[in-house]
């Protein structure tokens, strides 16, 4: 389940490229 959430977050970061991605949030 955690892996799925992480994957979703990773996918979201791909869409939000203009926003700086924090290493803590990833």
Foldseek 3Di string as FASTA:
>chain_A
DVVVVVVVVVVVCVVVVVDDDDPVVD
